[in-house]
Amino acid sequence: MDESRTDGPTSDEPLVCCVCGAVPPAAERGTALLTWSRGIDRGRTTWTCESCSRENVRAIEGKLDPAWW
């Protein structure tokens, strides 16, 4: 297991929505880590804000492996 791997951004790494470019206020960063969607695109971690996730839920579900369901 890679001990250097983290599941979320480091404290100095910006949290930016890959769809709309939104950035949570510093005081709401902890909440955003719980409510935003995290994805992997070509080996890179991406984040989608709560609002964009809700607007695009059908497209997100459509990309899931059928075995998921």
Protein backbone atom coordinates (compact mmCIF):
# COMPACT_ATOMS: atom_id res chain seq x y z
CA MET A 1 0.00 0.00 0.00
CA ASP A 2 1.30 3.43 -0.92
CA GLU A 3 1.58 5.34 2.38
CA SER A 4 2.11 8.69 0.60
CA ARG A 5 -1.30 8.54 -1.10
CA THR A 6 -4.11 10.70 0.27
CA ASP A 7 -7.81 10.44 -0.49
CA GLY A 8 -8.34 14.17 -0.64
CA PRO A 9 -6.43 17.29 -1.50
CA THR A 10 -3.70 18.44 0.84
CA SER A 11 -4.37 21.53 2.91
CA ASP A 12 -2.45 23.74 0.46
CA GLU A 13 -3.94 22.18 -2.69
CA PRO A 14 -6.88 24.16 -4.12
CA LEU A 15 -10.30 22.50 -4.28
CA VAL A 16 -11.82 23.55 -7.61
CA CYS A 17 -14.94 22.24 -9.37
CA CYS A 18 -13.91 20.71 -12.71
CA VAL A 19 -17.21 21.79 -14.28
CA CYS A 20 -17.87 25.37 -13.18
CA GLY A 21 -14.59 26.37 -11.51
CA ALA A 22 -16.21 27.07 -8.13
CA VAL A 23 -13.92 27.22 -5.10
CA PRO A 24 -15.41 26.81 -1.62
CA PRO A 25 -14.72 29.56 0.92
CA ALA A 26 -11.89 28.59 3.28
CA ALA A 27 -14.33 28.24 6.19
CA GLU A 28 -16.43 25.71 4.18
CA ARG A 29 -13.58 23.59 2.80
CA GLY A 30 -14.17 20.75 5.28
CA THR A 31 -17.85 20.58 4.37
CA ALA A 32 -17.04 20.67 0.65
CA LEU A 33 -14.78 17.63 1.04
CA LEU A 34 -17.83 15.75 2.31
CA THR A 35 -20.44 17.07 -0.13
CA TRP A 36 -18.52 17.43 -3.41
CA SER A 37 -18.05 14.46 -5.77
CA ARG A 38 -14.54 13.11 -6.21
CA GLY A 39 -13.53 11.42 -9.43
CA ILE A 40 -10.46 10.15 -11.22
CA ASP A 41 -9.89 11.27 -14.82
CA ARG A 42 -6.81 9.90 -16.58
CA GLY A 43 -5.13 9.27 -13.24
CA ARG A 44 -5.86 12.77 -11.93
CA THR A 45 -8.23 13.52 -9.06
CA THR A 46 -11.11 15.80 -10.03
CA TRP A 47 -13.77 17.43 -7.87
CA THR A 48 -17.32 18.40 -8.82
CA CYS A 49 -19.24 20.81 -6.60
CA GLU A 50 -22.54 19.81 -5.07
CA SER A 51 -24.52 21.99 -7.47
CA CYS A 52 -22.89 20.64 -10.64
CA SER A 53 -23.15 17.07 -9.32
CA ARG A 54 -26.90 17.47 -8.86
CA GLU A 55 -27.34 19.02 -12.31
CA ASN A 56 -25.38 16.20 -13.98
CA VAL A 57 -26.36 13.16 -11.90
CA ARG A 58 -27.81 11.26 -14.88
CA ALA A 59 -24.60 11.64 -16.88
CA ILE A 60 -22.53 10.60 -13.85
CA GLU A 61 -24.68 7.49 -13.31
CA GLY A 62 -24.46 6.65 -17.00
CA LYS A 63 -20.68 6.36 -16.75
CA LEU A 64 -20.77 3.79 -13.94
CA ASP A 65 -19.91 0.18 -14.69
CA PRO A 66 -23.14 -1.86 -15.05
CA ALA A 67 -21.82 -4.21 -12.37
CA TRP A 68 -22.20 -1.31 -9.93
CA TRP A 69 -25.97 -1.60 -10.19
